[in-house]
Amino acid sequence: MEKETILKSKEKDIIYPFLMSTCLAVGVVGICLYFEVDYLDMAAYGVGLWGLFGLLNMDAIKEKFKT
């Protein structure tokens, strides 16, 4: 194993991105409930956006490790 790979594997993730996304999700659900949006619509939009951002994140990670 290369030294650079070992150093990257020991990096720790910070918790702030996870907390931010959780707070955003709770806020979006609250707004949707306030405007009386169906639960099925909320779920469909959430899964769709989750998939879209997951693909964008995978592409960004590939570009990061390409160089």
C-alpha atoms as a PDB file:
ATOM      1  CA  MET A   1       0.000   0.000   0.000  1.00  0.00           C
ATOM      2  CA  GLU A   2       1.265   3.454  -0.848  1.00  0.00           C
ATOM      3  CA  LYS A   3       1.919   5.958   1.892  1.00  0.00           C
ATOM      4  CA  GLU A   4      -0.550   8.440   0.368  1.00  0.00           C
ATOM      5  CA  THR A   5      -3.343   5.842   0.366  1.00  0.00           C
ATOM      6  CA  ILE A   6      -2.691   4.958   4.004  1.00  0.00           C
ATOM      7  CA  LEU A   7      -2.839   8.617   5.026  1.00  0.00           C
ATOM      8  CA  LYS A   8      -6.118   9.165   3.184  1.00  0.00           C
ATOM      9  CA  SER A   9      -7.697   6.114   4.788  1.00  0.00           C
ATOM     10  CA  LYS A  10      -6.906   7.483   8.268  1.00  0.00           C
ATOM     11  CA  GLU A  11      -8.690  10.801   7.641  1.00  0.00           C
ATOM     12  CA  LYS A  12     -11.756  11.206   9.822  1.00  0.00           C
ATOM     13  CA  ASP A  13     -15.066  12.516   8.542  1.00  0.00           C
ATOM     14  CA  ILE A  14     -16.574  15.478  10.291  1.00  0.00           C
ATOM     15  CA  ILE A  15     -20.184  15.312  11.404  1.00  0.00           C
ATOM     16  CA  TYR A  16     -21.317  18.749  10.216  1.00  0.00           C
ATOM     17  CA  PRO A  17     -22.354  17.709   6.669  1.00  0.00           C
ATOM     18  CA  PHE A  18     -24.528  14.954   8.137  1.00  0.00           C
ATOM     19  CA  LEU A  19     -26.149  17.308  10.622  1.00  0.00           C
ATOM     20  CA  MET A  20     -26.768  19.947   7.962  1.00  0.00           C
ATOM     21  CA  SER A  21     -28.499  17.482   5.652  1.00  0.00           C
ATOM     22  CA  THR A  22     -30.646  16.165   8.497  1.00  0.00           C
ATOM     23  CA  CYS A  23     -31.748  19.649   9.508  1.00  0.00           C
ATOM     24  CA  LEU A  24     -32.517  20.493   5.881  1.00  0.00           C
ATOM     25  CA  ALA A  25     -34.615  17.342   5.491  1.00  0.00           C
ATOM     26  CA  VAL A  26     -36.612  18.112   8.636  1.00  0.00           C
ATOM     27  CA  GLY A  27     -37.176  21.664   7.433  1.00  0.00           C
ATOM     28  CA  VAL A  28     -38.339  20.547   3.981  1.00  0.00           C
ATOM     29  CA  VAL A  29     -40.742  18.001   5.473  1.00  0.00           C
ATOM     30  CA  GLY A  30     -42.120  20.684   7.786  1.00  0.00           C
ATOM     31  CA  ILE A  31     -42.690  23.090   4.896  1.00  0.00           C
ATOM     32  CA  CYS A  32     -44.366  20.363   2.827  1.00  0.00           C
ATOM     33  CA  LEU A  33     -46.648  19.468   5.711  1.00  0.00           C
ATOM     34  CA  TYR A  34     -47.524  23.127   6.190  1.00  0.00           C
ATOM     35  CA  PHE A  35     -48.578  23.402   2.524  1.00  0.00           C
ATOM     36  CA  GLU A  36     -50.392  20.025   2.719  1.00  0.00           C
ATOM     37  CA  VAL A  37     -48.292  18.156   0.148  1.00  0.00           C
ATOM     38  CA  ASP A  38     -49.032  14.419  -0.129  1.00  0.00           C
ATOM     39  CA  TYR A  39     -46.646  12.038   1.609  1.00  0.00           C
ATOM     40  CA  LEU A  40     -46.197  10.016  -1.591  1.00  0.00           C
ATOM     41  CA  ASP A  41     -45.166  13.129  -3.511  1.00  0.00           C
ATOM     42  CA  MET A  42     -42.693  14.064  -0.778  1.00  0.00           C
ATOM     43  CA  ALA A  43     -41.192  10.575  -0.869  1.00  0.00           C
ATOM     44  CA  ALA A  44     -40.909  10.551  -4.666  1.00  0.00           C
ATOM     45  CA  TYR A  45     -39.213  13.958  -4.762  1.00  0.00           C
ATOM     46  CA  GLY A  46     -36.886  12.999  -1.912  1.00  0.00           C
ATOM     47  CA  VAL A  47     -35.787   9.738  -3.503  1.00  0.00           C
ATOM     48  CA  GLY A  48     -35.306  11.441  -6.861  1.00  0.00           C
ATOM     49  CA  LEU A  49     -33.192  14.241  -5.425  1.00  0.00           C
ATOM     50  CA  TRP A  50     -31.239  11.775  -3.295  1.00  0.00           C
ATOM     51  CA  GLY A  51     -30.379   9.763  -6.401  1.00  0.00           C
ATOM     52  CA  LEU A  52     -29.445  12.856  -8.400  1.00  0.00           C
ATOM     53  CA  PHE A  53     -27.133  14.232  -5.730  1.00  0.00           C
ATOM     54  CA  GLY A  54     -25.667  10.773  -5.166  1.00  0.00           C
ATOM     55  CA  LEU A  55     -24.682  10.582  -8.835  1.00  0.00           C
ATOM     56  CA  LEU A  56     -23.214  14.079  -8.731  1.00  0.00           C
ATOM     57  CA  ASN A  57     -21.226  13.163  -5.617  1.00  0.00           C
ATOM     58  CA  MET A  58     -19.887  10.006  -7.261  1.00  0.00           C
ATOM     59  CA  ASP A  59     -18.751  12.035 -10.262  1.00  0.00           C
ATOM     60  CA  ALA A  60     -17.023  14.591  -8.017  1.00  0.00           C
ATOM     61  CA  ILE A  61     -15.209  11.824  -6.117  1.00  0.00           C
ATOM     62  CA  LYS A  62     -14.023  10.251  -9.379  1.00  0.00           C
ATOM     63  CA  GLU A  63     -12.672  13.608 -10.563  1.00  0.00           C
ATOM     64  CA  LYS A  64     -10.959  14.165  -7.205  1.00  0.00           C
ATOM     65  CA  PHE A  65      -9.067  10.884  -7.353  1.00  0.00           C
ATOM     66  CA  LYS A  66      -8.371  11.101 -11.090  1.00  0.00           C
ATOM     67  CA  THR A  67      -5.707  13.765 -10.584  1.00  0.00           C
END
